[in-house]
PDB file of N, CA and C in Angstrom:
ATOM      1  N   MET A   1      61.667  28.212  93.646  1.00  0.00           N
ATOM      2  CA  MET A   1      61.125  26.863  93.761  1.00  0.00           C
ATOM      3  C   MET A   1      61.634  26.024  92.597  1.00  0.00           C
ATOM      4  N   SER A   2      62.031  24.792  92.879  1.00  0.00           N
ATOM      5  CA  SER A   2      62.596  23.950  91.826  1.00  0.00           C
ATOM      6  C   SER A   2      61.527  23.528  90.825  1.00  0.00           C
ATOM      7  N   GLN A   3      62.004  23.182  89.641  1.00  0.00           N
ATOM      8  CA  GLN A   3      61.121  22.845  88.527  1.00  0.00           C
ATOM      9  C   GLN A   3      61.629  21.560  87.881  1.00  0.00           C
ATOM     10  N   LYS A   4      60.738  20.621  87.652  1.00  0.00           N
ATOM     11  CA  LYS A   4      61.094  19.360  87.006  1.00  0.00           C
ATOM     12  C   LYS A   4      60.684  19.421  85.541  1.00  0.00           C
ATOM     13  N   LEU A   5      61.598  19.004  84.664  1.00  0.00           N
ATOM     14  CA  LEU A   5      61.333  18.950  83.235  1.00  0.00           C
ATOM     15  C   LEU A   5      61.249  17.500  82.780  1.00  0.00           C
ATOM     16  N   PHE A   6      60.318  17.219  81.876  1.00  0.00           N
ATOM     17  CA  PHE A   6      60.246  15.931  81.205  1.00  0.00           C
ATOM     18  C   PHE A   6      61.042  16.070  79.912  1.00  0.00           C
ATOM     19  N   ILE A   7      61.978  15.151  79.690  1.00  0.00           N
ATOM     20  CA  ILE A   7      62.793  15.164  78.483  1.00  0.00           C
ATOM     21  C   ILE A   7      62.484  13.888  77.718  1.00  0.00           C
ATOM     22  N   GLY A   8      61.867  14.031  76.562  1.00  0.00           N
ATOM     23  CA  GLY A   8      61.467  12.872  75.765  1.00  0.00           C
ATOM     24  C   GLY A   8      62.224  12.787  74.459  1.00  0.00           C
ATOM     25  N   GLY A   9      62.064  11.675  73.782  1.00  0.00           N
ATOM     26  CA  GLY A   9      62.682  11.477  72.476  1.00  0.00           C
ATOM     27  C   GLY A   9      64.177  11.219  72.545  1.00  0.00           C
ATOM     28  N   LEU A  10      64.649  10.670  73.678  1.00  0.00           N
ATOM     29  CA  LEU A  10      66.082  10.395  73.827  1.00  0.00           C
ATOM     30  C   LEU A  10      66.444   9.067  73.179  1.00  0.00           C
ATOM     31  N   PRO A  11      67.663   8.958  72.655  1.00  0.00           N
ATOM     32  CA  PRO A  11      68.123   7.654  72.170  1.00  0.00           C
ATOM     33  C   PRO A  11      68.179   6.673  73.340  1.00  0.00           C
ATOM     34  N   PHE A  12      67.946   5.406  73.084  1.00  0.00           N
ATOM     35  CA  PHE A  12      67.961   4.407  74.138  1.00  0.00           C
ATOM     36  C   PHE A  12      69.349   4.247  74.758  1.00  0.00           C
ATOM     37  N   SER A  13      70.373   4.744  74.090  1.00  0.00           N
ATOM     38  CA  SER A  13      71.741   4.640  74.602  1.00  0.00           C
ATOM     39  C   SER A  13      72.091   5.762  75.580  1.00  0.00           C
ATOM     40  N   THR A  14      71.200   6.710  75.806  1.00  0.00           N
ATOM     41  CA  THR A  14      71.478   7.857  76.674  1.00  0.00           C
ATOM     42  C   THR A  14      71.636   7.424  78.125  1.00  0.00           C
ATOM     43  N   SER A  15      72.709   7.908  78.754  1.00  0.00           N
ATOM     44  CA  SER A  15      72.952   7.594  80.161  1.00  0.00           C
ATOM     45  C   SER A  15      72.647   8.816  81.029  1.00  0.00           C
ATOM     46  N   THR A  16      72.467   8.568  82.315  1.00  0.00           N
ATOM     47  CA  THR A  16      72.256   9.648  83.273  1.00  0.00           C
ATOM     48  C   THR A  16      73.455  10.590  83.275  1.00  0.00           C
ATOM     49  N   GLU A  17      74.654  10.036  83.232  1.00  0.00           N
ATOM     50  CA  GLU A  17      75.868  10.843  83.249  1.00  0.00           C
ATOM     51  C   GLU A  17      75.951  11.749  82.019  1.00  0.00           C
ATOM     52  N   GLU A  18      75.665  11.185  80.851  1.00  0.00           N
ATOM     53  CA  GLU A  18      75.731  11.945  79.603  1.00  0.00           C
ATOM     54  C   GLU A  18      74.725  13.096  79.608  1.00  0.00           C
ATOM     55  N   LEU A  19      73.503  12.822  80.015  1.00  0.00           N
ATOM     56  CA  LEU A  19      72.480  13.862  80.034  1.00  0.00           C
ATOM     57  C   LEU A  19      72.786  14.907  81.107  1.00  0.00           C
ATOM     58  N   GLY A  20      73.312  14.455  82.241  1.00  0.00           N
ATOM     59  CA  GLY A  20      73.703  15.388  83.294  1.00  0.00           C
ATOM     60  C   GLY A  20      74.782  16.348  82.831  1.00  0.00           C
ATOM     61  N   GLN A  21      75.778  15.839  82.103  1.00  0.00           N
ATOM     62  CA  GLN A  21      76.840  16.710  81.585  1.00  0.00           C
ATOM     63  C   GLN A  21      76.268  17.765  80.643  1.00  0.00           C
ATOM     64  N   LEU A  22      75.287  17.388  79.869  1.00  0.00           N
ATOM     65  CA  LEU A  22      74.665  18.341  78.953  1.00  0.00           C
ATOM     66  C   LEU A  22      73.934  19.439  79.723  1.00  0.00           C
ATOM     67  N   PHE A  23      73.113  19.065  80.678  1.00  0.00           N
ATOM     68  CA  PHE A  23      72.304  20.050  81.396  1.00  0.00           C
ATOM     69  C   PHE A  23      73.102  20.866  82.407  1.00  0.00           C
ATOM     70  N   LYS A  24      74.287  20.409  82.788  1.00  0.00           N
ATOM     71  CA  LYS A  24      75.146  21.196  83.676  1.00  0.00           C
ATOM     72  C   LYS A  24      75.612  22.494  83.007  1.00  0.00           C
ATOM     73  N   GLN A  25      75.432  22.599  81.714  1.00  0.00           N
ATOM     74  CA  GLN A  25      75.774  23.824  80.987  1.00  0.00           C
ATOM     75  C   GLN A  25      74.849  24.977  81.350  1.00  0.00           C
ATOM     76  N   VAL A  26      73.718  24.677  81.970  1.00  0.00           N
ATOM     77  CA  VAL A  26      72.732  25.698  82.342  1.00  0.00           C
ATOM     78  C   VAL A  26      72.803  25.910  83.850  1.00  0.00           C
ATOM     79  N   ASP A  27      72.964  27.180  84.271  1.00  0.00           N
ATOM     80  CA  ASP A  27      72.960  27.497  85.701  1.00  0.00           C
ATOM     81  C   ASP A  27      71.644  27.055  86.318  1.00  0.00           C
ATOM     82  N   GLY A  28      71.717  26.441  87.485  1.00  0.00           N
ATOM     83  CA  GLY A  28      70.510  26.016  88.177  1.00  0.00           C
ATOM     84  C   GLY A  28      70.199  24.545  88.019  1.00  0.00           C
ATOM     85  N   PHE A  29      71.070  23.803  87.314  1.00  0.00           N
ATOM     86  CA  PHE A  29      70.871  22.360  87.183  1.00  0.00           C
ATOM     87  C   PHE A  29      71.014  21.707  88.555  1.00  0.00           C
ATOM     88  N   GLU A  30      70.091  20.795  88.890  1.00  0.00           N
ATOM     89  CA  GLU A  30      70.166  20.080  90.162  1.00  0.00           C
ATOM     90  C   GLU A  30      70.397  18.584  89.983  1.00  0.00           C
ATOM     91  N   SER A  31      69.580  17.926  89.158  1.00  0.00           N
ATOM     92  CA  SER A  31      69.725  16.474  89.009  1.00  0.00           C
ATOM     93  C   SER A  31      69.042  16.001  87.732  1.00  0.00           C
ATOM     94  N   VAL A  32      69.366  14.762  87.367  1.00  0.00           N
ATOM     95  CA  VAL A  32      68.751  14.135  86.194  1.00  0.00           C
ATOM     96  C   VAL A  32      68.509  12.663  86.519  1.00  0.00           C
ATOM     97  N   GLU A  33      67.422  12.135  85.991  1.00  0.00           N
ATOM     98  CA  GLU A  33      67.122  10.713  86.133  1.00  0.00           C
ATOM     99  C   GLU A  33      66.640  10.182  84.796  1.00  0.00           C
ATOM    100  N   VAL A  34      67.477   9.380  84.149  1.00  0.00           N
ATOM    101  CA  VAL A  34      67.071   8.705  82.922  1.00  0.00           C
ATOM    102  C   VAL A  34      66.280   7.474  83.357  1.00  0.00           C
ATOM    103  N   ILE A  35      65.081   7.340  82.840  1.00  0.00           N
ATOM    104  CA  ILE A  35      64.209   6.231  83.219  1.00  0.00           C
ATOM    105  C   ILE A  35      64.624   4.990  82.427  1.00  0.00           C
ATOM    106  N   THR A  36      64.836   3.903  83.156  1.00  0.00           N
ATOM    107  CA  THR A  36      65.305   2.677  82.528  1.00  0.00           C
ATOM    108  C   THR A  36      64.289   1.551  82.692  1.00  0.00           C
ATOM    109  N   ASP A  37      64.383   0.601  81.792  1.00  0.00           N
ATOM    110  CA  ASP A  37      63.561  -0.607  81.858  1.00  0.00           C
ATOM    111  C   ASP A  37      64.046  -1.453  83.027  1.00  0.00           C
ATOM    112  N   ARG A  38      63.158  -1.895  83.872  1.00  0.00           N
ATOM    113  CA  ARG A  38      63.579  -2.640  85.070  1.00  0.00           C
ATOM    114  C   ARG A  38      64.168  -4.007  84.737  1.00  0.00           C
ATOM    115  N   ASP A  39      63.811  -4.581  83.608  1.00  0.00           N
ATOM    116  CA  ASP A  39      64.328  -5.900  83.245  1.00  0.00           C
ATOM    117  C   ASP A  39      65.666  -5.829  82.516  1.00  0.00           C
ATOM    118  N   THR A  40      65.784  -4.883  81.585  1.00  0.00           N
ATOM    119  CA  THR A  40      66.993  -4.818  80.760  1.00  0.00           C
ATOM    120  C   THR A  40      67.996  -3.776  81.248  1.00  0.00           C
ATOM    121  N   GLY A  41      67.529  -2.779  82.006  1.00  0.00           N
ATOM    122  CA  GLY A  41      68.404  -1.691  82.443  1.00  0.00           C
ATOM    123  C   GLY A  41      68.659  -0.658  81.372  1.00  0.00           C
ATOM    124  N   ARG A  42      68.084  -0.847  80.199  1.00  0.00           N
ATOM    125  CA  ARG A  42      68.263   0.075  79.074  1.00  0.00           C
ATOM    126  C   ARG A  42      67.329   1.268  79.225  1.00  0.00           C
ATOM    127  N   SER A  43      67.791   2.423  78.760  1.00  0.00           N
ATOM    128  CA  SER A  43      66.965   3.625  78.790  1.00  0.00           C
ATOM    129  C   SER A  43      65.644   3.391  78.066  1.00  0.00           C
ATOM    130  N   ARG A  44      64.593   3.999  78.581  1.00  0.00           N
ATOM    131  CA  ARG A  44      63.282   3.902  77.924  1.00  0.00           C
ATOM    132  C   ARG A  44      63.046   5.079  76.985  1.00  0.00           C
ATOM    133  N   GLY A  45      64.040   5.972  76.853  1.00  0.00           N
ATOM    134  CA  GLY A  45      63.933   7.068  75.888  1.00  0.00           C
ATOM    135  C   GLY A  45      63.413   8.366  76.474  1.00  0.00           C
ATOM    136  N   PHE A  46      63.323   8.433  77.807  1.00  0.00           N
ATOM    137  CA  PHE A  46      62.918   9.694  78.423  1.00  0.00           C
ATOM    138  C   PHE A  46      63.582   9.848  79.785  1.00  0.00           C
ATOM    139  N   ALA A  47      63.553  11.089  80.287  1.00  0.00           N
ATOM    140  CA  ALA A  47      64.215  11.402  81.554  1.00  0.00           C
ATOM    141  C   ALA A  47      63.503  12.563  82.227  1.00  0.00           C
ATOM    142  N   PHE A  48      63.864  12.786  83.483  1.00  0.00           N
ATOM    143  CA  PHE A  48      63.405  13.944  84.233  1.00  0.00           C
ATOM    144  C   PHE A  48      64.630  14.725  84.688  1.00  0.00           C
ATOM    145  N   VAL A  49      64.602  16.031  84.478  1.00  0.00           N
ATOM    146  CA  VAL A  49      65.692  16.915  84.880  1.00  0.00           C
ATOM    147  C   VAL A  49      65.136  17.915  85.885  1.00  0.00           C
ATOM    148  N   GLN A  50      65.804  18.033  87.019  1.00  0.00           N
ATOM    149  CA  GLN A  50      65.396  18.971  88.069  1.00  0.00           C
ATOM    150  C   GLN A  50      66.251  20.226  87.958  1.00  0.00           C
ATOM    151  N   MET A  51      65.590  21.373  87.846  1.00  0.00           N
ATOM    152  CA  MET A  51      66.270  22.668  87.794  1.00  0.00           C
ATOM    153  C   MET A  51      65.892  23.457  89.046  1.00  0.00           C
ATOM    154  N   ALA A  52      66.786  24.326  89.507  1.00  0.00           N
ATOM    155  CA  ALA A  52      66.608  25.036  90.773  1.00  0.00           C
ATOM    156  C   ALA A  52      65.432  26.004  90.759  1.00  0.00           C
ATOM    157  N   THR A  53      65.193  26.648  89.624  1.00  0.00           N
ATOM    158  CA  THR A  53      64.126  27.640  89.523  1.00  0.00           C
ATOM    159  C   THR A  53      63.376  27.482  88.213  1.00  0.00           C
ATOM    160  N   SER A  54      62.230  28.115  88.130  1.00  0.00           N
ATOM    161  CA  SER A  54      61.489  28.075  86.860  1.00  0.00           C
ATOM    162  C   SER A  54      62.249  28.824  85.775  1.00  0.00           C
ATOM    163  N   GLU A  55      63.021  29.841  86.163  1.00  0.00           N
ATOM    164  CA  GLU A  55      63.830  30.581  85.186  1.00  0.00           C
ATOM    165  C   GLU A  55      64.923  29.677  84.607  1.00  0.00           C
ATOM    166  N   ALA A  56      65.554  28.874  85.469  1.00  0.00           N
ATOM    167  CA  ALA A  56      66.574  27.931  85.008  1.00  0.00           C
ATOM    168  C   ALA A  56      65.945  26.882  84.093  1.00  0.00           C
ATOM    169  N   ALA A  57      64.749  26.421  84.448  1.00  0.00           N
ATOM    170  CA  ALA A  57      64.044  25.448  83.610  1.00  0.00           C
ATOM    171  C   ALA A  57      63.728  26.051  82.245  1.00  0.00           C
ATOM    172  N   ASP A  58      63.262  27.294  82.222  1.00  0.00           N
ATOM    173  CA  ASP A  58      62.972  27.970  80.949  1.00  0.00           C
ATOM    174  C   ASP A  58      64.237  28.092  80.108  1.00  0.00           C
ATOM    175  N   ALA A  59      65.361  28.434  80.757  1.00  0.00           N
ATOM    176  CA  ALA A  59      66.631  28.576  80.039  1.00  0.00           C
ATOM    177  C   ALA A  59      67.058  27.236  79.439  1.00  0.00           C
ATOM    178  N   ALA A  60      66.879  26.148  80.189  1.00  0.00           N
ATOM    179  CA  ALA A  60      67.231  24.819  79.693  1.00  0.00           C
ATOM    180  C   ALA A  60      66.356  24.426  78.504  1.00  0.00           C
ATOM    181  N   VAL A  61      65.073  24.708  78.589  1.00  0.00           N
ATOM    182  CA  VAL A  61      64.163  24.393  77.476  1.00  0.00           C
ATOM    183  C   VAL A  61      64.564  25.193  76.237  1.00  0.00           C
ATOM    184  N   ARG A  62      64.862  26.483  76.416  1.00  0.00           N
ATOM    185  CA  ARG A  62      65.284  27.303  75.271  1.00  0.00           C
ATOM    186  C   ARG A  62      66.573  26.775  74.659  1.00  0.00           C
ATOM    187  N   LYS A  63      67.511  26.363  75.498  1.00  0.00           N
ATOM    188  CA  LYS A  63      68.815  25.921  75.007  1.00  0.00           C
ATOM    189  C   LYS A  63      68.752  24.554  74.333  1.00  0.00           C
ATOM    190  N   PHE A  64      67.980  23.618  74.894  1.00  0.00           N
ATOM    191  CA  PHE A  64      68.054  22.234  74.431  1.00  0.00           C
ATOM    192  C   PHE A  64      66.838  21.713  73.686  1.00  0.00           C
ATOM    193  N   ASN A  65      65.753  22.450  73.616  1.00  0.00           N
ATOM    194  CA  ASN A  65      64.600  21.962  72.863  1.00  0.00           C
ATOM    195  C   ASN A  65      65.003  21.810  71.395  1.00  0.00           C
ATOM    196  N   GLY A  66      64.919  20.596  70.886  1.00  0.00           N
ATOM    197  CA  GLY A  66      65.322  20.310  69.514  1.00  0.00           C
ATOM    198  C   GLY A  66      66.793  19.954  69.374  1.00  0.00           C
ATOM    199  N   TYR A  67      67.543  19.957  70.478  1.00  0.00           N
ATOM    200  CA  TYR A  67      68.963  19.604  70.457  1.00  0.00           C
ATOM    201  C   TYR A  67      69.123  18.142  70.072  1.00  0.00           C
ATOM    202  N   GLU A  68      70.054  17.838  69.165  1.00  0.00           N
ATOM    203  CA  GLU A  68      70.265  16.463  68.741  1.00  0.00           C
ATOM    204  C   GLU A  68      71.341  15.813  69.607  1.00  0.00           C
ATOM    205  N   LEU A  69      70.980  14.782  70.315  1.00  0.00           N
ATOM    206  CA  LEU A  69      71.872  14.076  71.225  1.00  0.00           C
ATOM    207  C   LEU A  69      72.029  12.642  70.742  1.00  0.00           C
ATOM    208  N   ASN A  70      73.003  12.398  69.881  1.00  0.00           N
ATOM    209  CA  ASN A  70      73.264  11.042  69.380  1.00  0.00           C
ATOM    210  C   ASN A  70      72.030  10.377  68.781  1.00  0.00           C
ATOM    211  N   GLY A  71      71.225  11.102  68.088  1.00  0.00           N
ATOM    212  CA  GLY A  71      70.045  10.505  67.475  1.00  0.00           C
ATOM    213  C   GLY A  71      68.861  11.447  67.504  1.00  0.00           C
ATOM    214  N   PRO A  72      67.668  10.929  67.840  1.00  0.00           N
ATOM    215  CA  PRO A  72      66.460  11.770  67.832  1.00  0.00           C
ATOM    216  C   PRO A  72      66.593  13.000  68.720  1.00  0.00           C
ATOM    217  N   ARG A  73      65.824  14.008  68.425  1.00  0.00           N
ATOM    218  CA  ARG A  73      65.891  15.263  69.148  1.00  0.00           C
ATOM    219  C   ARG A  73      65.056  15.227  70.414  1.00  0.00           C
ATOM    220  N   PRO A  74      65.689  15.484  71.582  1.00  0.00           N
ATOM    221  CA  PRO A  74      64.895  15.509  72.814  1.00  0.00           C
ATOM    222  C   PRO A  74      63.993  16.726  72.862  1.00  0.00           C
ATOM    223  N   GLN A  75      62.892  16.588  73.537  1.00  0.00           N
ATOM    224  CA  GLN A  75      61.953  17.687  73.703  1.00  0.00           C
ATOM    225  C   GLN A  75      61.676  17.869  75.183  1.00  0.00           C
ATOM    226  N   GLY A  76      61.849  19.095  75.662  1.00  0.00           N
ATOM    227  CA  GLY A  76      61.631  19.380  77.075  1.00  0.00           C
ATOM    228  C   GLY A  76      60.249  19.959  77.314  1.00  0.00           C
ATOM    229  N   ARG A  77      59.670  19.614  78.464  1.00  0.00           N
ATOM    230  CA  ARG A  77      58.343  20.121  78.813  1.00  0.00           C
ATOM    231  C   ARG A  77      58.250  20.197  80.329  1.00  0.00           C
ATOM    232  N   ASP A  78      57.642  21.263  80.815  1.00  0.00           N
ATOM    233  CA  ASP A  78      57.421  21.421  82.255  1.00  0.00           C
ATOM    234  C   ASP A  78      56.408  20.396  82.731  1.00  0.00           C
ATOM    235  N   LEU A  79      56.612  19.935  83.960  1.00  0.00           N
ATOM    236  CA  LEU A  79      55.625  19.037  84.574  1.00  0.00           C
ATOM    237  C   LEU A  79      54.735  19.838  85.484  1.00  0.00           C
TER     238      LEU A  79
END
């Protein structure tokens, strides 16, 4: 069963493509959605990443929790 992760603490410059390339390093990556401000189109500093299984989600959290991506460290959490 797929698992959605909340990724917080992202730099406002983070794009969906950039975050997707990062999470594609983990087997089981399905999709990513960087949440943007509807008026400015700029990232709001968080995203949701869909992983194929809970094991893949756990692997992604282990790999990227505290990872520095062009600024503040993102933090992953299961929804």
